[in-house]
Amino acid sequence: MFFRKKKWLRKEFDQKLLEQLDSMKTNRNNQKLLVERSFDPSEEFITEAKITEAKYFFLFKEAKHRKITIRTK
């Protein structure tokens, strides 16, 4: 009875983590593409892209630590 809430909360937060991971992945890919296509990107923009990449890999490691799998239908 007490563990039902814990399972429900874990499922909810795992879903939120997957949503954040997906949005961060698209954001990272967009910034990476912009840096590659830029002639002379500013240092600030390169730093921002690196920060976004670090955030993405942090979320990726967290999902791996929680053993979350993405199930396709």
C-alpha atoms as a PDB file:
ATOM      1  CA  MET A   1       0.000   0.000   0.000  1.00  0.00           C
ATOM      2  CA  PHE A   2       2.790   2.439   0.860  1.00  0.00           C
ATOM      3  CA  PHE A   3       4.897   1.525  -2.150  1.00  0.00           C
ATOM      4  CA  ARG A   4       2.216   2.360  -4.712  1.00  0.00           C
ATOM      5  CA  LYS A   5       2.759   6.077  -4.303  1.00  0.00           C
ATOM      6  CA  LYS A   6       6.525   5.655  -4.626  1.00  0.00           C
ATOM      7  CA  LYS A   7       6.125   3.731  -7.892  1.00  0.00           C
ATOM      8  CA  TRP A   8       3.688   6.310  -9.215  1.00  0.00           C
ATOM      9  CA  LEU A   9       6.031   9.190  -8.334  1.00  0.00           C
ATOM     10  CA  ARG A  10       9.013   7.444  -9.885  1.00  0.00           C
ATOM     11  CA  LYS A  11       7.054   6.868 -13.095  1.00  0.00           C
ATOM     12  CA  GLU A  12       5.990  10.521 -13.192  1.00  0.00           C
ATOM     13  CA  PHE A  13       9.497  11.863 -12.652  1.00  0.00           C
ATOM     14  CA  ASP A  14      10.981   9.393 -15.125  1.00  0.00           C
ATOM     15  CA  GLN A  15       8.541  10.695 -17.725  1.00  0.00           C
ATOM     16  CA  LYS A  16       9.529  14.289 -16.952  1.00  0.00           C
ATOM     17  CA  LEU A  17      13.190  13.334 -17.261  1.00  0.00           C
ATOM     18  CA  LEU A  18      12.557  11.794 -20.672  1.00  0.00           C
ATOM     19  CA  GLU A  19      10.742  14.927 -21.830  1.00  0.00           C
ATOM     20  CA  GLN A  20      13.608  17.137 -20.649  1.00  0.00           C
ATOM     21  CA  LEU A  21      16.113  14.818 -22.288  1.00  0.00           C
ATOM     22  CA  ASP A  22      14.268  14.979 -25.593  1.00  0.00           C
ATOM     23  CA  SER A  23      13.991  18.776 -25.569  1.00  0.00           C
ATOM     24  CA  MET A  24      17.624  19.150 -24.523  1.00  0.00           C
ATOM     25  CA  LYS A  25      18.684  16.796 -27.328  1.00  0.00           C
ATOM     26  CA  THR A  26      16.961  18.901 -29.980  1.00  0.00           C
ATOM     27  CA  ASN A  27      18.357  22.082 -28.439  1.00  0.00           C
ATOM     28  CA  ARG A  28      21.877  20.604 -28.390  1.00  0.00           C
ATOM     29  CA  ASN A  29      21.623  19.429 -31.988  1.00  0.00           C
ATOM     30  CA  ASN A  30      20.384  22.840 -33.143  1.00  0.00           C
ATOM     31  CA  GLN A  31      23.192  24.699 -31.390  1.00  0.00           C
ATOM     32  CA  LYS A  32      25.801  22.240 -32.638  1.00  0.00           C
ATOM     33  CA  LEU A  33      24.552  22.713 -36.191  1.00  0.00           C
ATOM     34  CA  LEU A  34      24.640  26.500 -35.832  1.00  0.00           C
ATOM     35  CA  VAL A  35      28.213  26.431 -34.527  1.00  0.00           C
ATOM     36  CA  GLU A  36      29.295  24.190 -37.395  1.00  0.00           C
ATOM     37  CA  ARG A  37      27.641  26.395 -40.020  1.00  0.00           C
ATOM     38  CA  SER A  38      28.848  29.694 -38.591  1.00  0.00           C
ATOM     39  CA  PHE A  39      31.823  31.396 -40.198  1.00  0.00           C
ATOM     40  CA  ASP A  40      33.062  33.056 -37.025  1.00  0.00           C
ATOM     41  CA  PRO A  41      31.023  32.067 -33.948  1.00  0.00           C
ATOM     42  CA  SER A  42      31.551  34.207 -30.877  1.00  0.00           C
ATOM     43  CA  GLU A  43      33.165  32.793 -27.758  1.00  0.00           C
ATOM     44  CA  GLU A  44      29.928  33.377 -25.836  1.00  0.00           C
ATOM     45  CA  PHE A  45      27.937  31.310 -28.327  1.00  0.00           C
ATOM     46  CA  ILE A  46      30.494  28.477 -28.258  1.00  0.00           C
ATOM     47  CA  THR A  47      30.417  28.503 -24.446  1.00  0.00           C
ATOM     48  CA  GLU A  48      26.618  28.395 -24.456  1.00  0.00           C
ATOM     49  CA  ALA A  49      26.700  25.418 -26.829  1.00  0.00           C
ATOM     50  CA  LYS A  50      29.154  23.598 -24.549  1.00  0.00           C
ATOM     51  CA  ILE A  51      26.945  24.267 -21.516  1.00  0.00           C
ATOM     52  CA  THR A  52      23.928  22.889 -23.368  1.00  0.00           C
ATOM     53  CA  GLU A  53      25.923  19.801 -24.326  1.00  0.00           C
ATOM     54  CA  ALA A  54      26.998  19.296 -20.700  1.00  0.00           C
ATOM     55  CA  LYS A  55      23.376  19.562 -19.522  1.00  0.00           C
ATOM     56  CA  TYR A  56      22.295  17.019 -22.139  1.00  0.00           C
ATOM     57  CA  PHE A  57      24.971  14.530 -21.089  1.00  0.00           C
ATOM     58  CA  PHE A  58      24.085  15.038 -17.422  1.00  0.00           C
ATOM     59  CA  LEU A  59      20.437  14.180 -18.140  1.00  0.00           C
ATOM     60  CA  PHE A  60      21.569  11.235 -20.266  1.00  0.00           C
ATOM     61  CA  LYS A  61      23.710   9.879 -17.415  1.00  0.00           C
ATOM     62  CA  GLU A  62      20.840  10.344 -14.973  1.00  0.00           C
ATOM     63  CA  ALA A  63      18.501   8.377 -17.235  1.00  0.00           C
ATOM     64  CA  LYS A  64      21.118   5.650 -17.542  1.00  0.00           C
ATOM     65  CA  HIS A  65      21.578   5.597 -13.762  1.00  0.00           C
ATOM     66  CA  ARG A  66      17.823   5.219 -13.260  1.00  0.00           C
ATOM     67  CA  LYS A  67      17.785   2.477 -15.929  1.00  0.00           C
ATOM     68  CA  ILE A  68      15.102   4.209 -17.962  1.00  0.00           C
ATOM     69  CA  THR A  69      14.372   2.702 -21.343  1.00  0.00           C
ATOM     70  CA  ILE A  70      12.479   4.312 -24.181  1.00  0.00           C
ATOM     71  CA  ARG A  71       9.874   1.957 -25.514  1.00  0.00           C
ATOM     72  CA  THR A  72       8.763   2.489 -29.085  1.00  0.00           C
ATOM     73  CA  LYS A  73       5.391   1.274 -30.201  1.00  0.00           C
END
